[in-house]
Amino acid sequence: MSKKIENPVVLIHKRENSDTYAVAIISGSHDYHDAILMATMEPDMTGDDVDTWSKTGY
């Protein structure tokens, strides 16, 4: 059974030694460990206007 997101909060975290970002969608918390949906992204501007790699977990 999936959780309903009643009070959506979006957190974006830039990792220190990398060009990757963690994006978390949370219901009412400000702790990314409580994420209901999380993705990691790495922008890569080579070749395309915007090129993004993402990995999503639920």
PDB file of N, CA and C in Angstrom:
ATOM      1  N   MET A   1       0.839  -1.167   0.000  1.00  0.00           N
ATOM      2  CA  MET A   1       0.000   0.000   0.000  1.00  0.00           C
ATOM      3  C   MET A   1       0.895   1.245   0.000  1.00  0.00           C
ATOM      4  N   SER A   2       0.575   2.208  -0.824  1.00  0.00           N
ATOM      5  CA  SER A   2       1.386   3.420  -0.916  1.00  0.00           C
ATOM      6  C   SER A   2       0.882   4.484   0.057  1.00  0.00           C
ATOM      7  N   LYS A   3       1.790   5.337   0.492  1.00  0.00           N
ATOM      8  CA  LYS A   3       1.443   6.444   1.373  1.00  0.00           C
ATOM      9  C   LYS A   3       0.927   7.603   0.536  1.00  0.00           C
ATOM     10  N   LYS A   4      -0.015   8.335   1.081  1.00  0.00           N
ATOM     11  CA  LYS A   4      -0.508   9.534   0.420  1.00  0.00           C
ATOM     12  C   LYS A   4       0.324  10.729   0.902  1.00  0.00           C
ATOM     13  N   ILE A   5       0.726  11.559  -0.023  1.00  0.00           N
ATOM     14  CA  ILE A   5       1.491  12.756   0.327  1.00  0.00           C
ATOM     15  C   ILE A   5       0.490  13.858   0.641  1.00  0.00           C
ATOM     16  N   GLU A   6       0.330  14.170   1.931  1.00  0.00           N
ATOM     17  CA  GLU A   6      -0.667  15.154   2.351  1.00  0.00           C
ATOM     18  C   GLU A   6      -0.087  16.556   2.499  1.00  0.00           C
ATOM     19  N   ASN A   7       1.166  16.660   2.867  1.00  0.00           N
ATOM     20  CA  ASN A   7       1.825  17.951   3.041  1.00  0.00           C
ATOM     21  C   ASN A   7       3.171  17.884   2.314  1.00  0.00           C
ATOM     22  N   PRO A   8       3.181  18.042   0.982  1.00  0.00           N
ATOM     23  CA  PRO A   8       4.406  17.812   0.216  1.00  0.00           C
ATOM     24  C   PRO A   8       5.521  18.809   0.526  1.00  0.00           C
ATOM     25  N   VAL A   9       6.712  18.255   0.706  1.00  0.00           N
ATOM     26  CA  VAL A   9       7.934  19.037   0.889  1.00  0.00           C
ATOM     27  C   VAL A   9       8.951  18.456  -0.086  1.00  0.00           C
ATOM     28  N   VAL A  10       9.637  19.315  -0.830  1.00  0.00           N
ATOM     29  CA  VAL A  10      10.666  18.869  -1.768  1.00  0.00           C
ATOM     30  C   VAL A  10      12.014  19.373  -1.263  1.00  0.00           C
ATOM     31  N   LEU A  11      12.941  18.441  -1.075  1.00  0.00           N
ATOM     32  CA  LEU A  11      14.291  18.789  -0.641  1.00  0.00           C
ATOM     33  C   LEU A  11      15.270  18.491  -1.765  1.00  0.00           C
ATOM     34  N   ILE A  12      16.211  19.392  -2.000  1.00  0.00           N
ATOM     35  CA  ILE A  12      17.260  19.187  -2.998  1.00  0.00           C
ATOM     36  C   ILE A  12      18.594  19.286  -2.272  1.00  0.00           C
ATOM     37  N   HIS A  13      19.404  18.245  -2.412  1.00  0.00           N
ATOM     38  CA  HIS A  13      20.691  18.187  -1.714  1.00  0.00           C
ATOM     39  C   HIS A  13      21.809  17.993  -2.728  1.00  0.00           C
ATOM     40  N   LYS A  14      22.761  18.941  -2.782  1.00  0.00           N
ATOM     41  CA  LYS A  14      23.948  18.828  -3.640  1.00  0.00           C
ATOM     42  C   LYS A  14      25.000  18.063  -2.871  1.00  0.00           C
ATOM     43  N   ARG A  15      25.461  16.973  -3.430  1.00  0.00           N
ATOM     44  CA  ARG A  15      26.498  16.184  -2.762  1.00  0.00           C
ATOM     45  C   ARG A  15      27.830  16.929  -2.817  1.00  0.00           C
ATOM     46  N   GLU A  16      28.619  16.815  -1.745  1.00  0.00           N
ATOM     47  CA  GLU A  16      29.837  17.621  -1.582  1.00  0.00           C
ATOM     48  C   GLU A  16      30.913  17.380  -2.631  1.00  0.00           C
ATOM     49  N   ASN A  17      31.283  16.160  -2.891  1.00  0.00           N
ATOM     50  CA  ASN A  17      32.415  15.862  -3.776  1.00  0.00           C
ATOM     51  C   ASN A  17      31.972  15.331  -5.130  1.00  0.00           C
ATOM     52  N   SER A  18      30.833  15.797  -5.608  1.00  0.00           N
ATOM     53  CA  SER A  18      30.272  15.253  -6.837  1.00  0.00           C
ATOM     54  C   SER A  18      29.365  16.289  -7.476  1.00  0.00           C
ATOM     55  N   ASP A  19      29.041  16.077  -8.752  1.00  0.00           N
ATOM     56  CA  ASP A  19      28.066  16.926  -9.430  1.00  0.00           C
ATOM     57  C   ASP A  19      26.668  16.340  -9.346  1.00  0.00           C
ATOM     58  N   THR A  20      26.424  15.446  -8.404  1.00  0.00           N
ATOM     59  CA  THR A  20      25.112  14.816  -8.304  1.00  0.00           C
ATOM     60  C   THR A  20      24.260  15.500  -7.243  1.00  0.00           C
ATOM     61  N   TYR A  21      22.960  15.371  -7.429  1.00  0.00           N
ATOM     62  CA  TYR A  21      21.974  15.943  -6.522  1.00  0.00           C
ATOM     63  C   TYR A  21      21.012  14.844  -6.092  1.00  0.00           C
ATOM     64  N   ALA A  22      20.534  14.932  -4.861  1.00  0.00           N
ATOM     65  CA  ALA A  22      19.466  14.058  -4.393  1.00  0.00           C
ATOM     66  C   ALA A  22      18.224  14.927  -4.237  1.00  0.00           C
ATOM     67  N   VAL A  23      17.110  14.483  -4.812  1.00  0.00           N
ATOM     68  CA  VAL A  23      15.840  15.188  -4.714  1.00  0.00           C
ATOM     69  C   VAL A  23      14.873  14.264  -3.997  1.00  0.00           C
ATOM     70  N   ALA A  24      14.288  14.736  -2.905  1.00  0.00           N
ATOM     71  CA  ALA A  24      13.383  13.912  -2.107  1.00  0.00           C
ATOM     72  C   ALA A  24      12.032  14.599  -1.973  1.00  0.00           C
ATOM     73  N   ILE A  25      10.957  13.828  -2.113  1.00  0.00           N
ATOM     74  CA  ILE A  25       9.605  14.318  -1.862  1.00  0.00           C
ATOM     75  C   ILE A  25       9.131  13.652  -0.575  1.00  0.00           C
ATOM     76  N   ILE A  26       8.725  14.483   0.368  1.00  0.00           N
ATOM     77  CA  ILE A  26       8.410  14.039   1.716  1.00  0.00           C
ATOM     78  C   ILE A  26       7.042  14.585   2.100  1.00  0.00           C
ATOM     79  N   SER A  27       6.340  13.888   2.973  1.00  0.00           N
ATOM     80  CA  SER A  27       5.040  14.343   3.451  1.00  0.00           C
ATOM     81  C   SER A  27       5.193  14.980   4.831  1.00  0.00           C
ATOM     82  N   GLY A  28       5.441  16.283   4.854  1.00  0.00           N
ATOM     83  CA  GLY A  28       5.442  17.050   6.089  1.00  0.00           C
ATOM     84  C   GLY A  28       6.733  17.093   6.881  1.00  0.00           C
ATOM     85  N   SER A  29       7.747  16.378   6.507  1.00  0.00           N
ATOM     86  CA  SER A  29       9.008  16.332   7.246  1.00  0.00           C
ATOM     87  C   SER A  29      10.043  17.207   6.536  1.00  0.00           C
ATOM     88  N   HIS A  30      11.155  17.431   7.194  1.00  0.00           N
ATOM     89  CA  HIS A  30      12.284  18.117   6.567  1.00  0.00           C
ATOM     90  C   HIS A  30      13.540  17.260   6.660  1.00  0.00           C
ATOM     91  N   ASP A  31      13.352  15.948   6.765  1.00  0.00           N
ATOM     92  CA  ASP A  31      14.441  14.978   6.840  1.00  0.00           C
ATOM     93  C   ASP A  31      14.360  14.089   5.605  1.00  0.00           C
ATOM     94  N   TYR A  32      15.377  14.129   4.751  1.00  0.00           N
ATOM     95  CA  TYR A  32      15.298  13.372   3.503  1.00  0.00           C
ATOM     96  C   TYR A  32      15.244  11.866   3.732  1.00  0.00           C
ATOM     97  N   HIS A  33      15.585  11.401   4.927  1.00  0.00           N
ATOM     98  CA  HIS A  33      15.456   9.976   5.241  1.00  0.00           C
ATOM     99  C   HIS A  33      13.989   9.540   5.309  1.00  0.00           C
ATOM    100  N   ASP A  34      13.054  10.492   5.446  1.00  0.00           N
ATOM    101  CA  ASP A  34      11.617  10.200   5.479  1.00  0.00           C
ATOM    102  C   ASP A  34      10.995  10.230   4.088  1.00  0.00           C
ATOM    103  N   ALA A  35      11.803  10.282   3.051  1.00  0.00           N
ATOM    104  CA  ALA A  35      11.307  10.453   1.682  1.00  0.00           C
ATOM    105  C   ALA A  35      10.340   9.348   1.275  1.00  0.00           C
ATOM    106  N   ILE A  36       9.281   9.759   0.599  1.00  0.00           N
ATOM    107  CA  ILE A  36       8.344   8.824  -0.009  1.00  0.00           C
ATOM    108  C   ILE A  36       8.802   8.520  -1.430  1.00  0.00           C
ATOM    109  N   LEU A  37       9.403   9.507  -2.082  1.00  0.00           N
ATOM    110  CA  LEU A  37       9.948   9.353  -3.430  1.00  0.00           C
ATOM    111  C   LEU A  37      11.286  10.081  -3.469  1.00  0.00           C
ATOM    112  N   MET A  38      12.324   9.417  -3.999  1.00  0.00           N
ATOM    113  CA  MET A  38      13.644  10.040  -4.059  1.00  0.00           C
ATOM    114  C   MET A  38      14.298   9.742  -5.401  1.00  0.00           C
ATOM    115  N   ALA A  39      15.017  10.722  -5.922  1.00  0.00           N
ATOM    116  CA  ALA A  39      15.743  10.539  -7.182  1.00  0.00           C
ATOM    117  C   ALA A  39      17.133  11.134  -7.023  1.00  0.00           C
ATOM    118  N   THR A  40      18.112  10.538  -7.715  1.00  0.00           N
ATOM    119  CA  THR A  40      19.435  11.139  -7.795  1.00  0.00           C
ATOM    120  C   THR A  40      19.642  11.596  -9.225  1.00  0.00           C
ATOM    121  N   MET A  41      20.261  12.749  -9.391  1.00  0.00           N
ATOM    122  CA  MET A  41      20.439  13.327 -10.717  1.00  0.00           C
ATOM    123  C   MET A  41      21.836  13.871 -10.885  1.00  0.00           C
ATOM    124  N   GLU A  42      22.323  13.783 -12.107  1.00  0.00           N
ATOM    125  CA  GLU A  42      23.629  14.324 -12.454  1.00  0.00           C
ATOM    126  C   GLU A  42      23.493  15.085 -13.763  1.00  0.00           C
ATOM    127  N   PRO A  43      23.571  16.416 -13.720  1.00  0.00           N
ATOM    128  CA  PRO A  43      23.489  17.178 -14.961  1.00  0.00           C
ATOM    129  C   PRO A  43      24.742  16.964 -15.810  1.00  0.00           C
ATOM    130  N   ASP A  44      24.539  16.836 -17.099  1.00  0.00           N
ATOM    131  CA  ASP A  44      25.656  16.647 -18.032  1.00  0.00           C
ATOM    132  C   ASP A  44      25.343  17.490 -19.249  1.00  0.00           C
ATOM    133  N   MET A  45      26.060  18.560 -19.422  1.00  0.00           N
ATOM    134  CA  MET A  45      25.752  19.512 -20.486  1.00  0.00           C
ATOM    135  C   MET A  45      26.471  19.215 -21.796  1.00  0.00           C
ATOM    136  N   THR A  46      27.114  18.064 -21.926  1.00  0.00           N
ATOM    137  CA  THR A  46      27.852  17.725 -23.134  1.00  0.00           C
ATOM    138  C   THR A  46      26.906  17.218 -24.210  1.00  0.00           C
ATOM    139  N   GLY A  47      26.878  17.861 -25.363  1.00  0.00           N
ATOM    140  CA  GLY A  47      26.106  17.364 -26.496  1.00  0.00           C
ATOM    141  C   GLY A  47      24.698  17.916 -26.593  1.00  0.00           C
ATOM    142  N   ASP A  48      23.923  17.848 -25.538  1.00  0.00           N
ATOM    143  CA  ASP A  48      22.538  18.320 -25.565  1.00  0.00           C
ATOM    144  C   ASP A  48      22.431  19.622 -24.777  1.00  0.00           C
ATOM    145  N   ASP A  49      21.295  20.316 -24.978  1.00  0.00           N
ATOM    146  CA  ASP A  49      21.054  21.520 -24.184  1.00  0.00           C
ATOM    147  C   ASP A  49      20.962  21.162 -22.700  1.00  0.00           C
ATOM    148  N   VAL A  50      20.192  20.142 -22.382  1.00  0.00           N
ATOM    149  CA  VAL A  50      20.081  19.649 -21.012  1.00  0.00           C
ATOM    150  C   VAL A  50      20.034  18.134 -21.077  1.00  0.00           C
ATOM    151  N   ASP A  51      20.900  17.502 -20.352  1.00  0.00           N
ATOM    152  CA  ASP A  51      20.967  16.042 -20.337  1.00  0.00           C
ATOM    153  C   ASP A  51      21.030  15.612 -18.882  1.00  0.00           C
ATOM    154  N   THR A  52      20.083  14.824 -18.437  1.00  0.00           N
ATOM    155  CA  THR A  52      20.007  14.453 -17.033  1.00  0.00           C
ATOM    156  C   THR A  52      19.941  12.952 -16.878  1.00  0.00           C
ATOM    157  N   TRP A  53      20.706  12.431 -15.942  1.00  0.00           N
ATOM    158  CA  TRP A  53      20.618  11.024 -15.564  1.00  0.00           C
ATOM    159  C   TRP A  53      19.889  10.973 -14.237  1.00  0.00           C
ATOM    160  N   SER A  54      18.901  10.126 -14.117  1.00  0.00           N
ATOM    161  CA  SER A  54      18.202  10.027 -12.841  1.00  0.00           C
ATOM    162  C   SER A  54      17.915   8.580 -12.487  1.00  0.00           C
ATOM    163  N   LYS A  55      17.829   8.334 -11.208  1.00  0.00           N
ATOM    164  CA  LYS A  55      17.488   7.016 -10.679  1.00  0.00           C
ATOM    165  C   LYS A  55      16.445   7.252  -9.602  1.00  0.00           C
ATOM    166  N   THR A  56      15.290   6.661  -9.755  1.00  0.00           N
ATOM    167  CA  THR A  56      14.183   6.941  -8.856  1.00  0.00           C
ATOM    168  C   THR A  56      13.807   5.709  -8.061  1.00  0.00           C
ATOM    169  N   GLY A  57      13.514   5.909  -6.804  1.00  0.00           N
ATOM    170  CA  GLY A  57      13.046   4.815  -5.953  1.00  0.00           C
ATOM    171  C   GLY A  57      11.773   5.219  -5.246  1.00  0.00           C
ATOM    172  N   TYR A  58      10.924   4.241  -4.987  1.00  0.00           N
ATOM    173  CA  TYR A  58       9.670   4.529  -4.284  1.00  0.00           C
ATOM    174  C   TYR A  58       9.478   3.517  -3.197  1.00  0.00           C
TER     175      TYR A  58
END
